[in-house]
Amino acid sequence: MPSKDASGSSYTPYTVTSSGTNSQGNNYDTREQPSGPAYHYSNSDGSYYYANGNGSTYHNSGSGSTYTAPDGNVYKK
């Protein structure tokens, strides 16, 4: 079953290439997607961030979210 990226779009499943926890207790991983390298982190405060291989990003601060499309357009919720 295909995974969904942060924007909700389906794509071929990604491969996690490394993962860990930094000194602040935040989790992160690097990923390989069909469109290129990507990464994700999640913070102890509940916020998280995705940077996808196609150049898009998604950030959820816990009080709102921002999606930046590959073309640079920014969408806030």
C-alpha atoms as a PDB file:
ATOM      1  CA  MET A   1       0.000   0.000   0.000  1.00  0.00           C
ATOM      2  CA  PRO A   2       1.518   3.376  -0.962  1.00  0.00           C
ATOM      3  CA  SER A   3       2.513   5.765   1.790  1.00  0.00           C
ATOM      4  CA  LYS A   4       1.283   9.329   1.874  1.00  0.00           C
ATOM      5  CA  ASP A   5       3.574  12.303   2.152  1.00  0.00           C
ATOM      6  CA  ALA A   6       2.857  15.247   4.427  1.00  0.00           C
ATOM      7  CA  SER A   7       0.598  16.867   1.856  1.00  0.00           C
ATOM      8  CA  GLY A   8      -1.541  13.716   1.637  1.00  0.00           C
ATOM      9  CA  SER A   9      -0.331  12.815  -1.854  1.00  0.00           C
ATOM     10  CA  SER A  10       0.385   9.169  -2.544  1.00  0.00           C
ATOM     11  CA  TYR A  11       3.780   8.096  -3.763  1.00  0.00           C
ATOM     12  CA  THR A  12       5.856   4.945  -3.938  1.00  0.00           C
ATOM     13  CA  PRO A  13       6.931   3.924  -0.425  1.00  0.00           C
ATOM     14  CA  TYR A  14      10.083   5.601   0.818  1.00  0.00           C
ATOM     15  CA  THR A  15      13.108   3.935   2.391  1.00  0.00           C
ATOM     16  CA  VAL A  16      14.444   5.221   5.708  1.00  0.00           C
ATOM     17  CA  THR A  17      18.222   5.459   5.327  1.00  0.00           C
ATOM     18  CA  SER A  18      19.077   6.597   8.867  1.00  0.00           C
ATOM     19  CA  SER A  19      17.317   7.678  12.040  1.00  0.00           C
ATOM     20  CA  GLY A  20      18.053   8.763  15.565  1.00  0.00           C
ATOM     21  CA  THR A  21      17.386  11.156  18.424  1.00  0.00           C
ATOM     22  CA  ASN A  22      19.264  14.411  18.870  1.00  0.00           C
ATOM     23  CA  SER A  23      20.471  15.955  22.131  1.00  0.00           C
ATOM     24  CA  GLN A  24      17.158  17.787  22.615  1.00  0.00           C
ATOM     25  CA  GLY A  25      15.248  14.494  22.518  1.00  0.00           C
ATOM     26  CA  ASN A  26      13.817  15.101  19.057  1.00  0.00           C
ATOM     27  CA  ASN A  27      13.492  12.205  16.601  1.00  0.00           C
ATOM     28  CA  TYR A  28      14.658  12.468  13.014  1.00  0.00           C
ATOM     29  CA  ASP A  29      15.182  10.300   9.982  1.00  0.00           C
ATOM     30  CA  THR A  30      16.522  10.634   6.485  1.00  0.00           C
ATOM     31  CA  ARG A  31      14.638   8.981   3.663  1.00  0.00           C
ATOM     32  CA  GLU A  32      15.071   8.067   0.033  1.00  0.00           C
ATOM     33  CA  GLN A  33      11.991   8.778  -2.088  1.00  0.00           C
ATOM     34  CA  PRO A  34      11.582   8.161  -5.820  1.00  0.00           C
ATOM     35  CA  SER A  35      11.861  11.931  -6.286  1.00  0.00           C
ATOM     36  CA  GLY A  36      15.088  12.195  -4.263  1.00  0.00           C
ATOM     37  CA  PRO A  37      16.444  12.381  -0.708  1.00  0.00           C
ATOM     38  CA  ALA A  38      14.124  13.580   2.048  1.00  0.00           C
ATOM     39  CA  TYR A  39      14.015  13.931   5.785  1.00  0.00           C
ATOM     40  CA  HIS A  40      11.583  14.178   8.676  1.00  0.00           C
ATOM     41  CA  TYR A  41      11.838  15.232  12.275  1.00  0.00           C
ATOM     42  CA  SER A  42       9.398  15.226  15.163  1.00  0.00           C
ATOM     43  CA  ASN A  43       9.922  17.255  18.305  1.00  0.00           C
ATOM     44  CA  SER A  44       9.089  16.469  21.903  1.00  0.00           C
ATOM     45  CA  ASP A  45       6.606  19.385  21.877  1.00  0.00           C
ATOM     46  CA  GLY A  46       4.519  17.649  19.188  1.00  0.00           C
ATOM     47  CA  SER A  47       5.686  19.733  16.233  1.00  0.00           C
ATOM     48  CA  TYR A  48       7.112  18.061  13.127  1.00  0.00           C
ATOM     49  CA  TYR A  49       8.666  18.833   9.768  1.00  0.00           C
ATOM     50  CA  TYR A  50       8.979  17.026   6.448  1.00  0.00           C
ATOM     51  CA  ALA A  51      11.247  17.932   3.551  1.00  0.00           C
ATOM     52  CA  ASN A  52      10.309  15.813   0.536  1.00  0.00           C
ATOM     53  CA  GLY A  53      12.456  14.766  -2.380  1.00  0.00           C
ATOM     54  CA  ASN A  54      10.388  16.847  -4.800  1.00  0.00           C
ATOM     55  CA  GLY A  55      11.331  20.057  -2.968  1.00  0.00           C
ATOM     56  CA  SER A  56       8.100  20.444  -1.016  1.00  0.00           C
ATOM     57  CA  THR A  57       8.107  20.919   2.745  1.00  0.00           C
ATOM     58  CA  TYR A  58       5.502  20.566   5.470  1.00  0.00           C
ATOM     59  CA  HIS A  59       5.792  22.022   8.947  1.00  0.00           C
ATOM     60  CA  ASN A  60       3.313  21.578  11.778  1.00  0.00           C
ATOM     61  CA  SER A  61       4.132  23.793  14.740  1.00  0.00           C
ATOM     62  CA  GLY A  62       1.372  22.385  16.914  1.00  0.00           C
ATOM     63  CA  SER A  63      -0.631  25.587  16.507  1.00  0.00           C
ATOM     64  CA  GLY A  64      -0.813  25.587  12.721  1.00  0.00           C
ATOM     65  CA  SER A  65       0.749  24.087   9.631  1.00  0.00           C
ATOM     66  CA  THR A  66       2.526  25.348   6.539  1.00  0.00           C
ATOM     67  CA  TYR A  67       2.925  23.448   3.276  1.00  0.00           C
ATOM     68  CA  THR A  68       5.368  24.746   0.681  1.00  0.00           C
ATOM     69  CA  ALA A  69       4.761  23.244  -2.746  1.00  0.00           C
ATOM     70  CA  PRO A  70       7.601  22.309  -5.124  1.00  0.00           C
ATOM     71  CA  ASP A  71       6.856  25.485  -7.117  1.00  0.00           C
ATOM     72  CA  GLY A  72       7.407  27.639  -4.021  1.00  0.00           C
ATOM     73  CA  ASN A  73       3.766  28.453  -3.281  1.00  0.00           C
ATOM     74  CA  VAL A  74       3.048  28.492   0.456  1.00  0.00           C
ATOM     75  CA  TYR A  75      -0.203  27.279   1.980  1.00  0.00           C
ATOM     76  CA  LYS A  76      -1.075  27.825   5.635  1.00  0.00           C
ATOM     77  CA  LYS A  77      -3.787  26.203   7.735  1.00  0.00           C
END
